[in-house]
Each structure stands twice: as structure tokens, then as C-alpha cells.
Amino acid sequence: MQNLTNKEEEIMHILWKLKKAFVKDVMAEITTEQPHYNTLSTIVRNLEEKGYVAHTAYGNTHQYYPIVALEDYRKKFMNTAIENYFNNSYKNMVSFFAQEEKISAKELREILDIIEKK
């Protein structure tokens, strides 16, 4: 699985949400500065070349749909982040969020409960 640019990732989130979409449908979902239609079309075609989406042709228009599941991408993204930023240690990652006060002791106890029930 190739890495995505920030803009490609934004477009993938829209496609995961919509499940199937024409470029104009994707454009309507963009809440930040909207790219030109042709630019967006190029981004979607790049996602197809990278193996993230496929399309169904209706004449000259294409309806795109994701072929990589959000969960599969999430696993790859998290594994890469943990490897690159936390020395391949989940403990280091959780410690980071605890120190940044992004996770509470109560949430950590809930995580421990989940782990212990497996």
C-alpha cells in the first residue's frame, strides 16, 4: 500500500463516507478550500493508480468507490506512525498521550479492561 498525500487522504475519507461517488459528489463534501474540478479529478485518478479506488464507467463519467477499507488503511497508518515516531512501542505511544493529557486514567483503565477480557 503506497503512502497518501494529505489531500489524497482527505479525499479517501470522503469516499469511505460516501461509499460511491462521482467527482462532483466528492467536490460537494470538501469543507476546506475546494480545488479546481480538474485537480480533484486528477487526485482521484492518482488514488486509482495507487490501488485505493476503482471506478464504474457511465459513458464519459466515472463513479469511484474505495477498494481499500478504512480499517485496513487505519492499521497501516498507525503501524507506520508507531514505528516512525514511537520507536515501534505502543507503550511509548500511550505514554506520549498520557503526558500530553490526551488520555485520562479512566480511559487507560477501560483499555486495560479490554485487554484483560481478550
Protein backbone atom coordinates (compact mmCIF):
# COMPACT_ATOMS: atom_id res chain seq x y z
CA MET A 1 0.00 0.00 0.00
CA GLN A 2 1.54 3.29 -1.10
CA ASN A 3 1.52 6.33 1.17
CA LEU A 4 -1.09 9.02 0.57
CA THR A 5 -0.62 12.76 0.48
CA ASN A 6 -2.70 14.80 2.92
CA LYS A 7 -5.10 15.79 0.12
CA GLU A 8 -5.41 12.18 -1.10
CA GLU A 9 -6.16 11.07 2.45
CA GLU A 10 -8.84 13.77 2.75
CA ILE A 11 -10.44 12.55 -0.48
CA MET A 12 -10.28 8.92 0.70
CA HIS A 13 -12.17 9.85 3.88
CA ILE A 14 -14.88 11.36 1.70
CA LEU A 15 -15.03 8.22 -0.48
CA TRP A 16 -15.17 5.95 2.59
CA LYS A 17 -18.06 8.06 3.88
CA LEU A 18 -19.97 8.16 0.56
CA LYS A 19 -19.07 4.58 -0.50
CA LYS A 20 -19.59 5.51 -4.20
CA ALA A 21 -19.21 8.96 -5.73
CA PHE A 22 -18.69 10.95 -8.89
CA VAL A 23 -16.04 13.69 -8.73
CA LYS A 24 -18.80 16.32 -8.34
CA ASP A 25 -20.10 14.42 -5.28
CA VAL A 26 -16.63 14.45 -3.73
CA MET A 27 -16.31 18.17 -4.51
CA ALA A 28 -19.57 18.88 -2.67
CA GLU A 29 -18.17 17.22 0.50
CA ILE A 30 -14.95 19.24 0.67
CA THR A 31 -15.28 21.74 3.51
CA THR A 32 -11.83 23.30 3.21
CA GLU A 33 -10.68 25.30 0.19
CA GLN A 34 -12.10 23.48 -2.81
CA PRO A 35 -9.63 22.50 -5.52
CA HIS A 36 -10.45 23.06 -9.19
CA TYR A 37 -12.60 20.23 -10.61
CA ASN A 38 -9.77 19.02 -12.89
CA THR A 39 -7.32 18.98 -9.96
CA LEU A 40 -9.74 16.90 -7.90
CA SER A 41 -10.29 14.55 -10.83
CA THR A 42 -6.51 14.07 -11.10
CA ILE A 43 -6.27 13.33 -7.37
CA VAL A 44 -8.99 10.68 -7.66
CA ARG A 45 -7.29 9.11 -10.68
CA ASN A 46 -4.00 9.06 -8.71
CA LEU A 47 -5.83 7.21 -5.92
CA GLU A 48 -6.94 4.69 -8.52
CA GLU A 49 -3.38 4.27 -9.82
CA LYS A 50 -2.18 3.72 -6.24
CA GLY A 51 -4.78 0.97 -5.81
CA TYR A 52 -7.07 2.69 -3.31
CA VAL A 53 -10.12 3.20 -5.54
CA ALA A 54 -11.71 1.74 -8.63
CA HIS A 55 -14.47 3.04 -10.87
CA THR A 56 -17.57 2.14 -12.81
CA ALA A 57 -17.84 3.95 -16.14
CA TYR A 58 -21.10 5.54 -17.24
CA GLY A 59 -20.26 6.86 -20.67
CA ASN A 60 -17.64 9.55 -20.18
CA THR A 61 -18.19 9.85 -16.43
CA HIS A 62 -16.78 7.61 -13.73
CA GLN A 63 -18.24 6.70 -10.37
CA TYR A 64 -15.45 5.93 -7.92
CA TYR A 65 -15.51 3.63 -4.91
CA PRO A 66 -12.87 2.61 -2.35
CA ILE A 67 -11.24 -0.79 -2.70
CA VAL A 68 -9.07 -0.35 0.41
CA ALA A 69 -11.14 -0.48 3.58
CA LEU A 70 -10.81 2.33 6.12
CA GLU A 71 -9.86 -0.22 8.79
CA ASP A 72 -7.01 -1.62 6.63
CA TYR A 73 -5.70 1.90 5.99
CA ARG A 74 -6.03 2.80 9.68
CA LYS A 75 -3.91 -0.24 10.67
CA LYS A 76 -1.20 0.65 8.16
CA PHE A 77 -1.25 4.30 9.20
CA MET A 78 -1.00 3.51 12.91
CA ASN A 79 1.70 0.87 12.46
CA THR A 80 3.77 3.33 10.42
CA ALA A 81 3.27 6.14 12.97
CA ILE A 82 4.19 3.90 15.90
CA GLU A 83 7.26 2.63 14.06
CA ASN A 84 8.42 6.10 12.95
CA TYR A 85 7.53 8.22 15.99
CA PHE A 86 7.37 5.90 19.00
CA ASN A 87 10.31 3.54 18.42
CA ASN A 88 7.89 0.75 17.48
CA SER A 89 6.48 0.80 21.03
CA TYR A 90 2.79 1.01 21.86
CA LYS A 91 3.82 1.77 25.45
CA ASN A 92 5.72 4.84 24.23
CA MET A 93 2.67 5.94 22.24
CA VAL A 94 0.28 5.61 25.18
CA SER A 95 2.80 7.37 27.46
CA PHE A 96 3.00 10.23 24.98
CA PHE A 97 -0.78 10.69 25.01
CA ALA A 98 -0.87 10.46 28.80
CA GLN A 99 1.86 13.11 29.15
CA GLU A 100 0.05 15.35 26.67
CA GLU A 101 -3.12 14.85 28.72
CA LYS A 102 -4.93 13.43 25.70
CA ILE A 103 -5.93 10.28 27.57
CA SER A 104 -7.24 10.03 31.11
CA ALA A 105 -6.55 7.47 33.83
CA LYS A 106 -10.18 6.36 33.49
CA GLU A 107 -9.68 5.74 29.76
CA LEU A 108 -6.47 3.83 30.48
CA ARG A 109 -8.36 1.62 32.95
CA GLU A 110 -11.00 0.99 30.26
CA ILE A 111 -8.23 -0.03 27.84
CA LEU A 112 -6.80 -2.40 30.47
CA ASP A 113 -10.27 -3.93 30.89
CA ILE A 114 -10.46 -4.50 27.13
CA ILE A 115 -7.01 -6.12 27.11
CA GLU A 116 -7.76 -8.34 30.10
CA LYS A 117 -11.04 -9.57 28.59
CA LYS A 118 -9.31 -10.85 25.43
